[in-house]
Amino acid sequence: MKFKKILKKWQVWFLLFWILVAALSISYQFDAQGVIVNGVEVNSSASLAGMTSPSPDTRPTAREHIISINDIEITDKEHYFSIIEEIPLESILRIQTSEGEYALLKNNESVGISVANAPTSNIVKGLDLQGGTRVLLSPVEEISSSEIQDIMDVLENRLNVYGLTDLTIKSASDLEGGEYILVEIAGASQEEVRELLGSQGRFEAKIGDKIVFVGGEEDITFVCRNDGTCSRIVACNPTADGEACRFEFEISLSEKAAERHAEVTKDLKLNYTEGGSAILEKQIDFYLDGVLVDSLNIGESLRGQEATNIQISGSGFGKDKESAIQNTIDERTHLQTVLITGSLPSEIEIVKLDSISPSLGQQFINNAWLVGLIAVLSVGLVISVRYRSVKIVIPMLLSIAFEVFIILGFAALFRYNLDLAAIAGIIAAVGTGVDDLIIITDETLSKETSARSLKERIKRAFFIVFVAYATTVAAMIPLFTAGAGLLTGFALITIIGVSIGVFVTRPAFASVVRTLLE
């Protein structure tokens, strides 16, 4: 009879509605296996075969799944890399995915695909829990908010070229008015991130003191990144300190850049090499952030011509041939990325750089589960001793559990990354929730005056709850900007958690307890 009365309460149905929304948002997958595509490098073998990076708005469970490679079913991330490693270079891979089948050439070790284990839900783990690198950047000079946004756009394009789409870029400020850019990249090392984000990345091609073209879409329409065709390691030779290798790749210029090339070269004189071939008196020099990268001779046939195809070259060094080749590939990739994305509108510097290993992230998750379990058991023990009534204890514990579940549902719905700060916010929200539930329960059981009805006592309890809610929200607002945005997750999740409690779970709890005690 009591159960039927509980189901007639609109507060209970309102709670059930949000539990359903949370369940649909999380979409837990009990049989998740295989890998998903997290990103695809621009102009890589996978990109040329038709694979694309997922949209940032794509839910984890909806991302493209890699089912098999050359008819070998993929079970997890380690299995994927072991299969890729066993396939010889210059071989054809047939990749079957949830979106279709692709045939591509293996011209490097990664084939341009960034993968992750198939997710069990749509809850996105933050950097602290899955590993990666967090960078806090600051403009060297004072700039406007629109210029901050321009820098963020270029950085996002630069990282996407590498196939790094599992990232977060947002502006932040401190209490003193300082402007920052916070970048979080899952699965990237400190060295990669420092190279990509630590420099302005301004590329200039000059003949004499005249600029022919610069990096970016306006002057450069295509950059070859396909090894073995129009991008290659030319040769490696021993040096006094180790080994040096040289790379070459082709780019295509826009019509305006080609016209500038013709205008600059039309009046140059000819020089003749020892072999008798004619070259222009000036070379074309390539500069990256003001440093000369390389210089190339210009053949007679290009004088005064609107050249649209240009060959870029450079070099890398190492203590042995293997390290020299890797350094050359890294230098080439960095230069290609700058050519594709262009330079940053303003110079920036790295204020803070932190790196977290995936194993440490898993340890954080295990510790979070352990702390959560201990907290639930402790709360259950205390309220059991305090009230000694199943009618009070069970609804209170269910209210806490539903509150956490709905918070996780909100995070999954809006694709908010759950990191340690966010988990601390959940714990803080649950802590205030327990206080509110105790206030509601004590007022419900109070018999200080026979004149005050049960309904009036609950109203009095909710007055206290709303005052505490307003105080908590007010206390969290300054934390949105404290620590250059590093505490934003804590403040946001705390506010969301206490709001869910005050407007969803607390009314349902009060309604249930009132029905059970009437």
Protein backbone atom coordinates (compact mmCIF):
# COMPACT_ATOMS: atom_id res chain seq x y z
CA MET A 1 0.00 0.00 0.00
CA LYS A 2 2.77 2.40 0.92
CA PHE A 3 4.61 1.56 -2.32
CA LYS A 4 1.56 2.54 -4.41
CA LYS A 5 1.35 5.86 -2.57
CA ILE A 6 5.05 6.51 -3.25
CA LEU A 7 4.56 5.91 -6.98
CA LYS A 8 1.79 8.53 -7.04
CA LYS A 9 4.21 11.27 -5.96
CA TRP A 10 5.32 13.56 -8.81
CA GLN A 11 8.68 14.08 -7.10
CA VAL A 12 9.41 10.35 -7.44
CA TRP A 13 8.47 10.34 -11.14
CA PHE A 14 10.63 13.42 -11.68
CA LEU A 15 13.58 11.53 -10.12
CA LEU A 16 12.88 8.45 -12.27
CA PHE A 17 12.85 10.65 -15.39
CA TRP A 18 16.36 11.96 -14.68
CA ILE A 19 17.60 8.47 -13.85
CA LEU A 20 16.38 7.35 -17.30
CA VAL A 21 18.07 10.34 -18.97
CA ALA A 22 21.31 9.52 -17.15
CA ALA A 23 21.13 5.85 -18.16
CA LEU A 24 20.58 6.72 -21.83
CA SER A 25 23.42 9.26 -21.73
CA ILE A 26 25.90 6.86 -20.17
CA SER A 27 24.84 3.93 -22.44
CA TYR A 28 26.93 1.33 -20.63
CA GLN A 29 28.32 -1.37 -22.96
CA PHE A 30 28.75 -4.71 -21.17
CA ASP A 31 30.42 -6.46 -24.14
CA ALA A 32 32.78 -3.68 -25.29
CA GLN A 33 35.84 -5.02 -27.12
CA GLY A 34 38.14 -4.01 -29.96
CA VAL A 35 39.38 -0.48 -30.63
CA ILE A 36 37.89 2.80 -31.81
CA VAL A 37 39.38 5.46 -34.10
CA ASN A 38 40.38 8.48 -32.03
CA GLY A 39 42.05 10.43 -34.82
CA VAL A 40 43.48 10.27 -38.34
CA GLU A 41 46.54 12.27 -39.44
CA VAL A 42 46.07 14.65 -42.34
CA ASN A 43 47.35 13.27 -45.69
CA SER A 44 48.37 9.96 -44.07
CA SER A 45 47.73 6.58 -45.70
CA ALA A 46 44.54 6.18 -43.67
CA SER A 47 43.38 9.68 -44.62
CA LEU A 48 44.03 9.08 -48.33
CA ALA A 49 42.09 5.80 -48.07
CA GLY A 50 39.04 7.72 -46.88
CA MET A 51 39.22 7.44 -43.07
CA THR A 52 38.44 10.62 -41.15
CA SER A 53 38.91 11.81 -37.59
CA PRO A 54 35.76 11.70 -35.45
CA SER A 55 33.98 14.94 -34.71
CA PRO A 56 34.64 16.31 -31.21
CA ASP A 57 30.89 16.01 -30.60
CA THR A 58 30.84 12.29 -31.42
CA ARG A 59 30.09 10.18 -28.35
CA PRO A 60 32.75 7.58 -27.45
CA THR A 61 30.42 4.61 -28.04
CA ALA A 62 29.41 6.02 -31.45
CA ARG A 63 32.95 6.36 -32.80
CA GLU A 64 34.17 4.21 -35.68
CA HIS A 65 35.15 0.72 -34.44
CA ILE A 66 37.99 -1.21 -36.06
CA ILE A 67 36.69 -4.76 -36.37
CA SER A 68 39.52 -6.55 -38.18
CA ILE A 69 42.78 -6.06 -40.09
CA ASN A 70 43.43 -8.44 -42.98
CA ASP A 71 40.58 -10.62 -41.65
CA ILE A 72 42.18 -10.83 -38.17
CA GLU A 73 39.68 -9.75 -35.52
CA ILE A 74 41.01 -7.03 -33.21
CA THR A 75 40.44 -7.58 -29.48
CA ASP A 76 42.11 -4.56 -27.87
CA LYS A 77 44.65 -1.75 -28.36
CA GLU A 78 47.71 -3.94 -27.69
CA HIS A 79 46.47 -6.54 -30.17
CA TYR A 80 45.92 -3.81 -32.79
CA PHE A 81 49.51 -2.54 -32.52
CA SER A 82 50.94 -6.06 -32.56
CA ILE A 83 49.07 -6.80 -35.82
CA ILE A 84 50.21 -3.52 -37.40
CA GLU A 85 53.81 -4.19 -36.35
CA GLU A 86 53.83 -7.68 -37.92
CA ILE A 87 52.72 -6.39 -41.34
CA PRO A 88 55.75 -5.44 -43.50
CA LEU A 89 56.25 -1.91 -44.81
CA GLU A 90 54.88 -1.17 -48.31
CA SER A 91 52.19 -3.82 -47.78
CA ILE A 92 48.46 -3.33 -48.30
CA LEU A 93 46.22 -3.38 -45.20
CA ARG A 94 42.53 -4.16 -45.43
CA ILE A 95 40.85 -2.59 -42.41
CA GLN A 96 37.25 -3.50 -41.68
CA THR A 97 35.42 -0.99 -39.48
CA SER A 98 31.87 -0.28 -38.39
CA GLU A 99 31.73 2.31 -41.20
CA GLY A 100 33.06 0.12 -44.03
CA GLU A 101 36.27 -1.38 -45.43
CA TYR A 102 39.47 0.51 -46.33
CA ALA A 103 42.54 -0.56 -48.28
CA LEU A 104 45.67 1.41 -47.49
CA LEU A 105 49.43 1.21 -47.84
CA LYS A 106 51.55 0.74 -44.73
CA ASN A 107 54.26 3.36 -45.26
CA ASN A 108 55.06 3.96 -41.59
CA GLU A 109 54.52 2.24 -38.25
CA SER A 110 51.24 3.96 -37.32
CA VAL A 111 49.61 4.30 -40.79
CA GLY A 112 48.25 7.60 -39.45
CA ILE A 113 45.56 6.17 -37.13
CA SER A 114 45.27 6.97 -33.43
CA VAL A 115 43.25 4.32 -31.58
CA ALA A 116 41.91 3.59 -28.10
CA ASN A 117 40.26 0.59 -26.47
CA ALA A 118 36.52 0.41 -27.12
CA PRO A 119 34.81 2.38 -24.33
CA THR A 120 32.36 0.74 -21.96
CA SER A 121 30.27 3.92 -21.69
CA ASN A 122 29.98 7.53 -22.84
CA ILE A 123 31.66 8.81 -19.68
CA VAL A 124 34.82 10.59 -20.83
CA LYS A 125 37.77 10.22 -18.50
CA GLY A 126 39.89 13.29 -17.98
CA LEU A 127 43.62 13.54 -18.29
CA ASP A 128 44.25 12.52 -14.67
CA LEU A 129 42.46 9.20 -15.25
CA GLN A 130 43.58 8.14 -18.73
CA GLY A 131 47.06 9.63 -18.98
CA GLY A 132 48.44 12.33 -21.24
CA THR A 133 49.83 15.84 -21.01
CA ARG A 134 48.44 19.09 -19.63
CA VAL A 135 49.97 22.40 -20.76
CA LEU A 136 49.29 25.89 -19.44
CA LEU A 137 50.21 28.50 -22.07
CA SER A 138 50.45 32.27 -21.73
CA PRO A 139 50.81 34.94 -24.44
CA VAL A 140 54.13 36.76 -24.21
CA GLU A 141 52.41 40.10 -24.89
CA GLU A 142 49.03 41.41 -23.80
CA ILE A 143 46.45 40.49 -26.43
CA SER A 144 42.67 40.68 -26.88
CA SER A 145 40.15 37.90 -26.26
CA SER A 146 39.63 37.52 -30.04
CA GLU A 147 43.37 36.95 -30.51
CA ILE A 148 43.26 34.34 -27.72
CA GLN A 149 40.52 32.56 -29.69
CA ASP A 150 42.63 32.77 -32.89
CA ILE A 151 45.56 31.13 -31.06
CA MET A 152 43.25 28.37 -29.77
CA ASP A 153 41.95 27.72 -33.31
CA VAL A 154 45.47 27.42 -34.77
CA LEU A 155 46.57 25.14 -31.90
CA GLU A 156 43.55 22.90 -32.41
CA ASN A 157 44.27 22.66 -36.16
CA ARG A 158 47.92 21.94 -35.45
CA LEU A 159 47.06 19.10 -33.06
CA ASN A 160 44.38 17.70 -35.37
CA VAL A 161 46.97 17.38 -38.15
CA TYR A 162 48.70 14.85 -35.91
CA GLY A 163 45.42 12.98 -35.52
CA LEU A 164 45.08 14.19 -31.92
CA THR A 165 41.34 14.81 -31.58
CA ASP A 166 40.97 13.54 -28.02
CA LEU A 167 41.96 16.89 -26.56
CA THR A 168 40.61 19.89 -24.69
CA ILE A 169 41.60 23.49 -25.41
CA LYS A 170 40.05 26.28 -23.38
CA SER A 171 40.86 29.78 -22.24
CA ALA A 172 41.39 30.52 -18.58
CA SER A 173 42.25 33.42 -16.32
CA ASP A 174 43.44 33.93 -12.78
CA LEU A 175 42.19 36.22 -10.04
CA GLU A 176 44.78 38.83 -11.04
CA GLY A 177 43.44 39.11 -14.59
CA GLY A 178 46.13 37.04 -16.33
CA GLU A 179 45.03 35.30 -19.54
CA TYR A 180 45.99 31.66 -20.22
CA ILE A 181 45.25 28.79 -22.57
CA LEU A 182 44.83 25.34 -21.01
CA VAL A 183 45.52 22.38 -23.32
CA GLU A 184 44.93 18.76 -22.29
CA ILE A 185 45.94 16.00 -24.69
CA ALA A 186 45.32 12.31 -23.99
CA GLY A 187 48.08 9.91 -24.99
CA ALA A 188 50.70 12.51 -25.96
CA SER A 189 54.20 12.76 -24.50
CA GLN A 190 55.81 15.90 -23.08
CA GLU A 191 58.33 16.07 -25.94
CA GLU A 192 55.63 15.97 -28.64
CA VAL A 193 53.54 18.60 -26.93
CA ARG A 194 56.46 20.91 -26.18
CA GLU A 195 57.52 20.78 -29.84
CA LEU A 196 53.99 21.42 -31.12
CA LEU A 197 52.90 24.14 -28.70
CA GLY A 198 56.09 25.74 -27.45
CA SER A 199 56.85 27.82 -30.56
CA GLN A 200 54.95 30.29 -32.67
CA GLY A 201 55.67 28.18 -35.76
CA ARG A 202 56.15 30.96 -38.33
CA PHE A 203 57.41 29.55 -41.63
CA GLU A 204 58.78 31.88 -44.31
CA ALA A 205 60.28 31.12 -47.71
CA LYS A 206 62.52 33.98 -48.87
CA ILE A 207 64.53 34.75 -51.97
CA GLY A 208 66.98 37.36 -50.81
CA ASP A 209 65.01 39.59 -48.44
CA LYS A 210 61.67 39.10 -50.20
CA ILE A 211 59.05 36.69 -48.86
CA VAL A 212 57.71 34.31 -51.50
CA PHE A 213 55.25 32.37 -49.32
CA VAL A 214 54.46 31.59 -45.69
CA GLY A 215 52.89 28.64 -43.90
CA GLY A 216 49.10 28.34 -43.80
CA GLU A 217 46.15 27.76 -46.09
CA GLU A 218 46.40 31.15 -47.81
CA ASP A 219 49.71 30.37 -49.54
CA ILE A 220 49.90 26.55 -49.32
CA THR A 221 47.11 24.41 -50.79
CA PHE A 222 48.64 20.94 -50.24
CA VAL A 223 51.44 19.36 -48.20
CA CYS A 224 52.50 15.82 -49.02
CA ARG A 225 52.77 13.59 -45.96
CA ASN A 226 52.57 10.23 -47.72
CA ASP A 227 55.89 8.43 -47.22
CA GLY A 228 57.47 6.88 -50.28
CA THR A 229 55.70 8.97 -52.92
CA CYS A 230 56.16 12.73 -52.58
CA SER A 231 57.60 12.68 -49.06
CA ARG A 232 60.70 10.65 -48.27
CA ILE A 233 63.93 10.23 -46.30
CA VAL A 234 66.56 10.85 -48.97
CA ALA A 235 69.80 9.64 -47.42
CA CYS A 236 71.72 9.20 -44.17
CA ASN A 237 75.43 9.90 -43.79
CA PRO A 238 77.88 9.65 -40.88
CA THR A 239 79.06 12.84 -39.19
CA ALA A 240 81.63 13.65 -36.53
CA ASP A 241 78.97 13.43 -33.80
CA GLY A 242 76.89 10.55 -35.13
CA GLU A 243 74.57 10.31 -38.11
CA ALA A 244 72.65 12.85 -40.23
CA CYS A 245 69.65 12.18 -42.48
CA ARG A 246 67.89 14.39 -45.00
CA PHE A 247 64.19 14.58 -45.89
CA GLU A 248 62.27 15.97 -48.83
CA PHE A 249 58.58 16.54 -49.46
CA GLU A 250 56.49 18.44 -51.97
CA ILE A 251 54.00 21.24 -51.44
CA SER A 252 51.56 23.02 -53.73
CA LEU A 253 51.32 26.82 -53.75
CA SER A 254 48.29 29.00 -54.29
CA GLU A 255 48.04 31.19 -57.41
CA LYS A 256 48.99 34.33 -55.47
CA ALA A 257 52.09 32.67 -53.98
CA ALA A 258 53.07 31.36 -57.44
CA GLU A 259 52.71 34.89 -58.86
CA ARG A 260 55.01 36.25 -56.12
CA HIS A 261 57.56 33.57 -57.00
CA ALA A 262 57.48 34.64 -60.67
CA GLU A 263 57.77 38.32 -59.77
CA VAL A 264 60.74 37.83 -57.43
CA THR A 265 62.71 35.53 -59.79
CA LYS A 266 62.10 37.18 -63.20
CA ASP A 267 65.05 39.59 -63.01
CA LEU A 268 67.59 37.29 -61.28
CA LYS A 269 70.83 36.56 -63.13
CA LEU A 270 72.15 33.09 -63.91
CA ASN A 271 75.13 31.31 -62.42
CA TYR A 272 76.65 28.09 -63.70
CA THR A 273 77.71 25.12 -61.63
CA GLU A 274 80.81 23.00 -62.23
CA GLY A 275 78.66 20.55 -64.11
CA GLY A 276 77.52 23.27 -66.49
CA SER A 277 73.89 23.54 -65.32
CA ALA A 278 72.40 27.01 -64.93
CA ILE A 279 70.91 28.14 -61.59
CA LEU A 280 69.62 31.50 -60.38
CA GLU A 281 72.05 33.77 -58.55
CA LYS A 282 69.98 33.59 -55.34
CA GLN A 283 68.73 30.58 -53.42
CA ILE A 284 65.34 30.11 -51.80
CA ASP A 285 65.79 30.10 -48.03
CA PHE A 286 63.39 28.44 -45.57
CA TYR A 287 63.02 30.00 -42.11
CA LEU A 288 61.15 28.55 -39.12
CA ASP A 289 60.66 31.00 -36.25
CA GLY A 290 63.46 33.15 -37.68
CA VAL A 291 65.98 30.28 -37.88
CA LEU A 292 67.32 29.19 -41.28
CA VAL A 293 66.17 25.61 -41.86
CA ASP A 294 67.51 25.01 -45.35
CA SER A 295 68.48 26.67 -48.63
CA LEU A 296 67.85 25.31 -52.12
CA ASN A 297 69.14 26.31 -55.55
CA ILE A 298 66.58 27.49 -58.09
CA GLY A 299 66.89 26.06 -61.59
CA GLU A 300 66.92 28.23 -64.71
CA SER A 301 63.57 26.82 -65.84
CA LEU A 302 61.83 28.39 -62.81
CA ARG A 303 62.98 31.95 -63.51
CA GLY A 304 59.92 34.16 -63.91
CA GLN A 305 57.63 31.14 -63.79
CA GLU A 306 54.52 30.77 -61.63
CA ALA A 307 55.71 27.61 -59.91
CA THR A 308 52.94 25.84 -58.03
CA ASN A 309 54.95 22.76 -56.96
CA ILE A 310 57.84 23.36 -54.57
CA GLN A 311 60.13 20.84 -52.91
CA ILE A 312 60.93 21.42 -49.22
CA SER A 313 63.91 19.75 -47.58
CA GLY A 314 65.61 19.58 -44.23
CA SER A 315 67.64 17.32 -41.98
CA GLY A 316 67.75 15.50 -38.67
CA PHE A 317 70.55 14.21 -36.48
CA GLY A 318 71.19 11.40 -34.00
CA LYS A 319 73.91 9.45 -32.27
CA ASP A 320 73.18 6.47 -34.54
CA LYS A 321 71.28 5.83 -37.75
CA GLU A 322 68.06 4.70 -36.04
CA SER A 323 67.83 7.77 -33.79
CA ALA A 324 68.82 10.02 -36.73
CA ILE A 325 65.97 8.65 -38.86
CA GLN A 326 63.48 9.14 -36.02
CA ASN A 327 64.69 12.70 -35.41
CA THR A 328 64.46 13.42 -39.14
CA ILE A 329 60.88 12.11 -39.24
CA ASP A 330 59.99 14.26 -36.22
CA GLU A 331 61.56 17.37 -37.79
CA ARG A 332 59.77 16.71 -41.07
CA THR A 333 56.41 16.14 -39.38
CA HIS A 334 56.76 19.32 -37.33
CA LEU A 335 57.61 21.37 -40.43
CA GLN A 336 54.73 19.82 -42.39
CA THR A 337 52.34 20.65 -39.54
CA VAL A 338 53.44 24.30 -39.45
CA LEU A 339 53.09 24.55 -43.24
CA ILE A 340 49.53 23.19 -43.05
CA THR A 341 48.28 25.20 -40.07
CA GLY A 342 50.32 28.39 -40.33
CA SER A 343 51.82 30.38 -37.48
CA LEU A 344 50.23 31.51 -34.26
CA PRO A 345 48.94 35.11 -34.25
CA SER A 346 51.08 35.86 -31.22
CA GLU A 347 54.08 34.33 -29.50
CA ILE A 348 53.28 32.14 -26.51
CA GLU A 349 55.26 30.52 -23.72
CA ILE A 350 54.77 27.37 -21.68
CA VAL A 351 53.99 28.30 -18.06
CA LYS A 352 53.41 24.78 -16.75
CA LEU A 353 53.65 21.33 -18.32
CA ASP A 354 52.52 18.14 -16.57
CA SER A 355 52.52 14.59 -17.89
CA ILE A 356 50.57 11.66 -16.41
CA SER A 357 51.17 8.05 -17.43
CA PRO A 358 48.19 5.78 -18.26
CA SER A 359 49.20 3.39 -15.48
CA LEU A 360 49.08 6.21 -12.93
CA GLY A 361 45.69 7.23 -14.31
CA GLN A 362 44.37 3.69 -13.73
CA GLN A 363 45.71 3.84 -10.19
CA PHE A 364 43.78 7.08 -9.65
CA ILE A 365 40.59 5.35 -10.86
CA ASN A 366 41.11 2.41 -8.49
CA ASN A 367 41.76 4.79 -5.59
CA ALA A 368 38.63 6.81 -6.46
CA TRP A 369 36.49 3.64 -6.39
CA LEU A 370 38.04 2.62 -3.07
CA VAL A 371 37.49 6.05 -1.50
CA GLY A 372 33.90 6.12 -2.80
CA LEU A 373 33.16 2.68 -1.37
CA ILE A 374 34.62 3.62 2.01
CA ALA A 375 32.60 6.85 2.02
CA VAL A 376 29.32 5.03 1.25
CA LEU A 377 29.96 2.40 3.93
CA SER A 378 30.88 5.07 6.47
CA VAL A 379 27.77 7.13 5.73
CA GLY A 380 25.60 4.01 5.86
CA LEU A 381 27.06 3.01 9.22
CA VAL A 382 26.61 6.46 10.76
CA ILE A 383 23.00 6.93 9.66
CA SER A 384 22.16 3.35 10.68
CA VAL A 385 23.43 4.03 14.19
CA ARG A 386 21.75 7.45 14.26
CA TYR A 387 18.23 6.49 13.12
CA ARG A 388 18.01 2.67 13.55
CA SER A 389 15.21 2.58 10.97
CA VAL A 390 15.22 0.83 7.61
CA LYS A 391 12.55 3.28 6.41
CA ILE A 392 15.11 6.08 6.79
CA VAL A 393 18.43 4.38 5.97
CA ILE A 394 17.49 2.71 2.65
CA PRO A 395 15.87 5.82 1.03
CA MET A 396 18.82 7.91 2.17
CA LEU A 397 21.43 5.57 0.64
CA LEU A 398 19.38 5.24 -2.56
CA SER A 399 19.13 9.03 -2.76
CA ILE A 400 22.93 9.35 -2.55
CA ALA A 401 23.46 6.63 -5.18
CA PHE A 402 20.92 8.17 -7.58
CA GLU A 403 22.51 11.59 -7.16
CA VAL A 404 25.94 10.29 -8.17
CA PHE A 405 24.43 8.38 -11.11
CA ILE A 406 22.62 11.47 -12.43
CA ILE A 407 25.81 13.58 -12.08
CA LEU A 408 27.67 11.00 -14.19
CA GLY A 409 24.79 11.09 -16.68
CA PHE A 410 25.11 14.86 -17.00
CA ALA A 411 28.85 14.53 -17.57
CA ALA A 412 28.25 11.94 -20.31
CA LEU A 413 25.44 13.97 -21.90
CA PHE A 414 27.57 17.11 -22.24
CA ARG A 415 30.84 15.18 -22.82
CA TYR A 416 32.50 16.75 -19.79
CA ASN A 417 35.84 15.15 -18.93
CA LEU A 418 35.83 13.60 -15.47
CA ASP A 419 39.20 14.23 -13.82
CA LEU A 420 40.35 14.21 -10.21
CA ALA A 421 39.00 17.73 -9.64
CA ALA A 422 35.59 16.66 -10.95
CA ILE A 423 35.60 13.54 -8.73
CA ALA A 424 36.41 15.77 -5.76
CA GLY A 425 33.40 17.88 -6.79
CA ILE A 426 31.18 14.78 -6.77
CA ILE A 427 32.40 13.88 -3.28
CA ALA A 428 31.77 17.46 -2.10
CA ALA A 429 28.26 17.43 -3.60
CA VAL A 430 27.47 14.09 -1.95
CA GLY A 431 28.81 15.40 1.35
CA THR A 432 26.48 18.40 1.28
CA GLY A 433 23.71 16.03 0.16
CA VAL A 434 24.14 13.86 3.24
CA ASP A 435 23.91 16.98 5.41
CA ASP A 436 20.69 18.01 3.68
CA LEU A 437 19.16 14.55 4.02
CA ILE A 438 19.95 14.52 7.75
CA ILE A 439 18.31 17.95 8.14
CA ILE A 440 15.20 16.75 6.30
CA THR A 441 15.07 13.55 8.34
CA ASP A 442 15.55 15.29 11.70
CA GLU A 443 12.86 17.85 10.91
CA THR A 444 10.54 15.07 9.76
CA LEU A 445 11.03 13.12 12.99
CA SER A 446 10.95 16.22 15.20
CA LYS A 447 8.06 16.42 17.68
CA GLU A 448 8.99 19.62 19.46
CA THR A 449 5.51 21.02 18.94
CA SER A 450 2.33 19.10 18.35
CA ALA A 451 0.88 22.07 16.48
CA ARG A 452 3.41 21.90 13.63
CA SER A 453 2.36 19.36 10.98
CA LEU A 454 4.66 17.00 9.10
CA LYS A 455 4.24 19.11 5.95
CA GLU A 456 5.28 22.27 7.80
CA ARG A 457 8.33 20.57 9.29
CA ILE A 458 9.48 19.47 5.80
CA LYS A 459 8.99 23.03 4.49
CA ARG A 460 11.16 24.29 7.32
CA ALA A 461 13.84 21.72 6.43
CA PHE A 462 13.84 22.79 2.77
CA PHE A 463 14.26 26.44 3.78
CA ILE A 464 17.51 25.44 5.51
CA VAL A 465 18.50 23.27 2.51
CA PHE A 466 18.00 26.14 0.02
CA VAL A 467 20.00 28.56 2.17
CA ALA A 468 22.86 26.04 2.34
CA TYR A 469 22.55 25.51 -1.44
CA ALA A 470 22.85 29.23 -2.17
CA THR A 471 25.87 29.48 0.13
CA THR A 472 27.62 26.55 -1.59
CA VAL A 473 27.02 27.96 -5.10
CA ALA A 474 28.29 31.38 -4.03
CA ALA A 475 31.42 29.79 -2.57
CA MET A 476 32.12 27.87 -5.81
CA ILE A 477 31.88 30.83 -8.21
CA PRO A 478 35.35 32.29 -7.41
CA LEU A 479 36.91 28.86 -8.05
CA PHE A 480 36.00 29.09 -11.76
CA THR A 481 38.93 31.47 -12.26
CA ALA A 482 41.19 30.41 -9.38
CA GLY A 483 44.37 28.55 -10.33
CA ALA A 484 44.12 29.60 -14.01
CA GLY A 485 41.09 27.39 -14.53
CA LEU A 486 42.58 24.23 -12.99
CA LEU A 487 39.80 24.17 -10.35
CA THR A 488 36.96 24.78 -12.81
CA GLY A 489 36.02 21.09 -12.85
CA PHE A 490 35.69 20.99 -9.08
CA ALA A 491 33.50 24.10 -8.97
CA LEU A 492 31.31 23.09 -11.93
CA ILE A 493 30.63 19.52 -10.81
CA THR A 494 29.96 20.67 -7.25
CA ILE A 495 27.36 23.18 -8.46
CA ILE A 496 25.77 20.60 -10.78
CA GLY A 497 25.76 18.00 -7.99
CA VAL A 498 24.15 20.20 -5.34
CA SER A 499 21.61 21.48 -7.92
CA ILE A 500 20.61 17.92 -8.80
CA GLY A 501 20.29 17.16 -5.11
CA VAL A 502 18.21 20.20 -4.21
CA PHE A 503 15.86 20.06 -7.20
CA VAL A 504 15.67 16.30 -7.91
CA THR A 505 16.79 13.83 -5.24
CA ARG A 506 16.00 15.76 -2.00
CA PRO A 507 12.32 16.40 -2.90
CA ALA A 508 11.92 12.73 -3.85
CA PHE A 509 13.56 11.62 -0.59
CA ALA A 510 11.36 13.93 1.48
CA SER A 511 8.26 12.69 -0.34
CA VAL A 512 9.18 9.04 0.22
CA VAL A 513 10.05 9.51 3.90
CA ARG A 514 6.90 11.52 4.51
CA THR A 515 4.79 8.73 2.97
CA LEU A 516 6.54 6.01 4.96
CA LEU A 517 6.18 7.85 8.27
CA GLU A 518 2.60 9.06 7.88
